């Protein structure tokens, strides 16, 4: 079965910068320790990086992971 390489960017918002960072780390950890059913070979790529949402002013944190995705035949 074919595999595709992808770069996933995840952004999370929270009440303050520390909580946004902690949530981003949790999400990144959950992605990295996946079960391998759809995504395989996930590894951290960058971040988490702090930021502020330009529209709402809410603190955010963003990170990226690289992954391989198994193609699935739709019938």
N, C-alpha and C. Protein backbone atom coordinates (compact mmCIF):
# COMPACT_ATOMS: atom_id res chain seq x y z
N UNK A 1 0.84 -1.18 0.00
CA UNK A 1 0.00 0.00 0.00
C UNK A 1 0.89 1.25 0.00
N UNK A 2 0.46 2.27 -0.67
CA UNK A 2 1.25 3.50 -0.81
C UNK A 2 1.27 4.30 0.48
N UNK A 3 2.38 5.00 0.65
CA UNK A 3 2.54 5.87 1.82
C UNK A 3 2.79 7.30 1.33
N UNK A 4 2.23 8.26 2.02
CA UNK A 4 2.47 9.67 1.72
C UNK A 4 3.17 10.30 2.91
N UNK A 5 4.05 11.23 2.63
CA UNK A 5 4.71 11.99 3.70
C UNK A 5 3.99 13.32 3.85
N UNK A 6 3.70 13.67 5.09
CA UNK A 6 2.96 14.91 5.34
C UNK A 6 3.60 15.69 6.48
N UNK A 7 3.34 16.97 6.49
CA UNK A 7 3.72 17.85 7.59
C UNK A 7 2.42 18.36 8.20
N UNK A 8 2.20 18.05 9.47
CA UNK A 8 0.98 18.46 10.16
C UNK A 8 1.30 19.63 11.08
N UNK A 9 0.52 20.69 10.96
CA UNK A 9 0.68 21.82 11.87
C UNK A 9 -0.55 21.86 12.78
N UNK A 10 -0.28 21.93 14.07
CA UNK A 10 -1.35 21.94 15.07
C UNK A 10 -1.23 23.24 15.86
N UNK A 11 -2.35 23.93 16.00
CA UNK A 11 -2.40 25.16 16.79
C UNK A 11 -3.47 25.01 17.86
N UNK A 12 -3.12 25.37 19.10
CA UNK A 12 -4.07 25.31 20.21
C UNK A 12 -4.16 26.67 20.88
N UNK A 13 -5.32 26.98 21.41
CA UNK A 13 -5.55 28.24 22.12
C UNK A 13 -5.89 27.91 23.57
N UNK A 14 -5.49 28.80 24.49
CA UNK A 14 -5.82 28.60 25.90
C UNK A 14 -5.85 29.95 26.61
N UNK A 15 -6.14 29.92 27.91
CA UNK A 15 -6.33 31.14 28.68
C UNK A 15 -5.06 31.96 28.84
N UNK A 16 -3.90 31.30 28.92
CA UNK A 16 -2.63 32.03 29.01
C UNK A 16 -1.55 31.25 28.27
N UNK A 17 -0.39 31.88 28.09
CA UNK A 17 0.68 31.29 27.27
C UNK A 17 1.19 29.97 27.85
N UNK A 18 1.32 29.89 29.18
CA UNK A 18 1.82 28.65 29.80
C UNK A 18 0.87 27.48 29.56
N UNK A 19 -0.42 27.73 29.72
CA UNK A 19 -1.40 26.66 29.51
C UNK A 19 -1.48 26.27 28.03
N UNK A 20 -1.33 27.24 27.13
CA UNK A 20 -1.32 26.94 25.70
C UNK A 20 -0.12 26.06 25.36
N UNK A 21 1.03 26.38 25.93
CA UNK A 21 2.25 25.58 25.71
C UNK A 21 2.06 24.16 26.24
N UNK A 22 1.52 24.04 27.45
CA UNK A 22 1.30 22.71 28.05
C UNK A 22 0.34 21.89 27.21
N UNK A 23 -0.72 22.51 26.73
CA UNK A 23 -1.69 21.80 25.89
C UNK A 23 -1.05 21.36 24.57
N UNK A 24 -0.23 22.21 23.99
CA UNK A 24 0.46 21.86 22.75
C UNK A 24 1.40 20.67 22.98
N UNK A 25 2.12 20.68 24.10
CA UNK A 25 3.01 19.56 24.42
C UNK A 25 2.23 18.26 24.59
N UNK A 26 1.07 18.34 25.25
CA UNK A 26 0.22 17.16 25.42
C UNK A 26 -0.23 16.63 24.06
N UNK A 27 -0.71 17.52 23.20
CA UNK A 27 -1.17 17.10 21.87
C UNK A 27 -0.03 16.49 21.06
N UNK A 28 1.13 17.11 21.12
CA UNK A 28 2.28 16.58 20.39
C UNK A 28 2.64 15.18 20.91
N UNK A 29 2.64 15.01 22.21
CA UNK A 29 2.93 13.70 22.80
C UNK A 29 1.93 12.64 22.39
N UNK A 30 0.65 13.01 22.34
CA UNK A 30 -0.38 12.06 21.92
C UNK A 30 -0.22 11.67 20.46
N UNK A 31 0.17 12.61 19.62
CA UNK A 31 0.41 12.27 18.22
C UNK A 31 1.61 11.34 18.06
N UNK A 32 2.67 11.62 18.80
CA UNK A 32 3.89 10.82 18.67
C UNK A 32 3.68 9.39 19.18
N UNK A 33 2.87 9.20 20.20
CA UNK A 33 2.66 7.85 20.75
C UNK A 33 1.35 7.24 20.25
N UNK A 34 1.05 7.42 18.99
CA UNK A 34 -0.16 6.89 18.35
C UNK A 34 -0.10 5.37 18.22
N UNK A 35 -1.19 4.77 17.77
CA UNK A 35 -1.23 3.31 17.63
C UNK A 35 -0.74 2.83 16.26
N UNK A 36 -0.51 3.72 15.32
CA UNK A 36 0.02 3.34 14.02
C UNK A 36 -0.99 2.84 13.02
N UNK A 37 -2.27 2.94 13.31
CA UNK A 37 -3.29 2.41 12.40
C UNK A 37 -3.42 3.21 11.11
N UNK A 38 -3.30 4.51 11.17
CA UNK A 38 -3.39 5.35 9.97
C UNK A 38 -2.10 6.12 9.76
N UNK A 39 -1.62 6.75 10.81
CA UNK A 39 -0.37 7.51 10.74
C UNK A 39 0.77 6.63 11.24
N UNK A 40 1.89 6.67 10.53
CA UNK A 40 3.04 5.92 11.00
C UNK A 40 4.28 6.82 10.96
N UNK A 41 5.27 6.46 11.72
CA UNK A 41 6.54 7.17 11.75
C UNK A 41 6.37 8.66 12.04
N UNK A 42 5.59 8.99 13.05
CA UNK A 42 5.42 10.39 13.42
C UNK A 42 6.59 10.84 14.27
N UNK A 43 7.12 12.03 13.94
CA UNK A 43 8.21 12.59 14.74
C UNK A 43 8.03 14.10 14.85
N UNK A 44 8.40 14.66 15.98
CA UNK A 44 8.30 16.12 16.14
C UNK A 44 9.17 16.84 15.11
N UNK A 45 8.70 17.99 14.65
CA UNK A 45 9.45 18.75 13.65
C UNK A 45 9.81 20.14 14.17
N UNK A 46 8.88 20.82 14.81
CA UNK A 46 9.17 22.15 15.32
C UNK A 46 8.16 22.58 16.36
N UNK A 47 8.64 23.40 17.30
CA UNK A 47 7.75 23.95 18.32
C UNK A 47 7.70 23.09 19.55
N UNK A 48 6.80 23.43 20.43
CA UNK A 48 5.75 24.43 20.33
C UNK A 48 6.30 25.86 20.41
N UNK A 49 5.67 26.70 19.63
CA UNK A 49 6.03 28.12 19.57
C UNK A 49 4.86 28.96 20.08
N UNK A 50 5.11 29.94 20.93
CA UNK A 50 4.03 30.78 21.47
C UNK A 50 3.58 31.82 20.45
N UNK A 51 2.36 32.27 20.63
CA UNK A 51 1.83 33.34 19.78
C UNK A 51 0.56 33.90 20.37
N UNK A 52 0.00 34.86 19.68
CA UNK A 52 -1.26 35.47 20.07
C UNK A 52 -2.17 35.53 18.85
N UNK A 53 -3.39 35.10 19.01
CA UNK A 53 -4.35 35.15 17.92
C UNK A 53 -4.60 36.61 17.55
N UNK A 54 -4.37 36.98 16.29
CA UNK A 54 -4.53 38.39 15.91
C UNK A 54 -5.97 38.88 15.96
N UNK A 55 -6.93 37.98 15.84
CA UNK A 55 -8.34 38.38 15.84
C UNK A 55 -8.92 38.50 17.25
N UNK A 56 -8.58 37.52 18.11
CA UNK A 56 -9.20 37.50 19.43
C UNK A 56 -8.26 37.95 20.55
N UNK A 57 -6.95 37.96 20.29
CA UNK A 57 -5.98 38.31 21.33
C UNK A 57 -5.71 37.20 22.32
N UNK A 58 -6.23 36.00 22.06
CA UNK A 58 -6.05 34.86 22.96
C UNK A 58 -4.67 34.24 22.71
N UNK A 59 -4.01 33.80 23.81
CA UNK A 59 -2.72 33.13 23.69
C UNK A 59 -2.87 31.80 22.97
N UNK A 60 -1.87 31.49 22.14
CA UNK A 60 -1.88 30.23 21.43
C UNK A 60 -0.48 29.64 21.40
N UNK A 61 -0.40 28.39 20.98
CA UNK A 61 0.88 27.72 20.79
C UNK A 61 0.72 26.80 19.59
N UNK A 62 1.76 26.71 18.77
CA UNK A 62 1.68 25.90 17.56
C UNK A 62 2.91 25.03 17.43
N UNK A 63 2.74 23.85 16.82
CA UNK A 63 3.85 22.94 16.59
C UNK A 63 3.60 22.18 15.30
N UNK A 64 4.65 21.54 14.80
CA UNK A 64 4.51 20.69 13.62
C UNK A 64 5.10 19.32 13.90
N UNK A 65 4.54 18.32 13.22
CA UNK A 65 5.08 16.96 13.24
C UNK A 65 5.15 16.46 11.80
N UNK A 66 6.11 15.62 11.53
CA UNK A 66 6.20 14.95 10.23
C UNK A 66 5.65 13.54 10.40
N UNK A 67 4.92 13.06 9.41
CA UNK A 67 4.30 11.75 9.50
C UNK A 67 4.23 11.09 8.13
N UNK A 68 4.06 9.80 8.19
CA UNK A 68 3.74 9.04 6.99
C UNK A 68 2.29 8.58 7.16
N UNK A 69 1.53 8.69 6.08
CA UNK A 69 0.11 8.34 6.11
C UNK A 69 -0.11 7.19 5.17
N UNK A 70 -0.76 6.14 5.64
CA UNK A 70 -1.11 5.01 4.79
C UNK A 70 -2.32 5.36 3.94
N UNK A 71 -2.19 5.10 2.66
CA UNK A 71 -3.34 5.31 1.76
C UNK A 71 -4.35 4.20 2.03
N UNK A 72 -5.62 4.54 1.93
CA UNK A 72 -6.69 3.57 2.15
C UNK A 72 -7.57 3.54 0.91
N UNK A 73 -7.85 2.36 0.42
CA UNK A 73 -8.69 2.22 -0.77
C UNK A 73 -10.15 2.41 -0.35
N UNK A 74 -10.82 3.34 -1.04
CA UNK A 74 -12.25 3.56 -0.80
C UNK A 74 -13.04 2.81 -1.85
N UNK A 75 -13.92 1.96 -1.41
CA UNK A 75 -14.69 1.17 -2.38
C UNK A 75 -16.16 1.47 -2.26
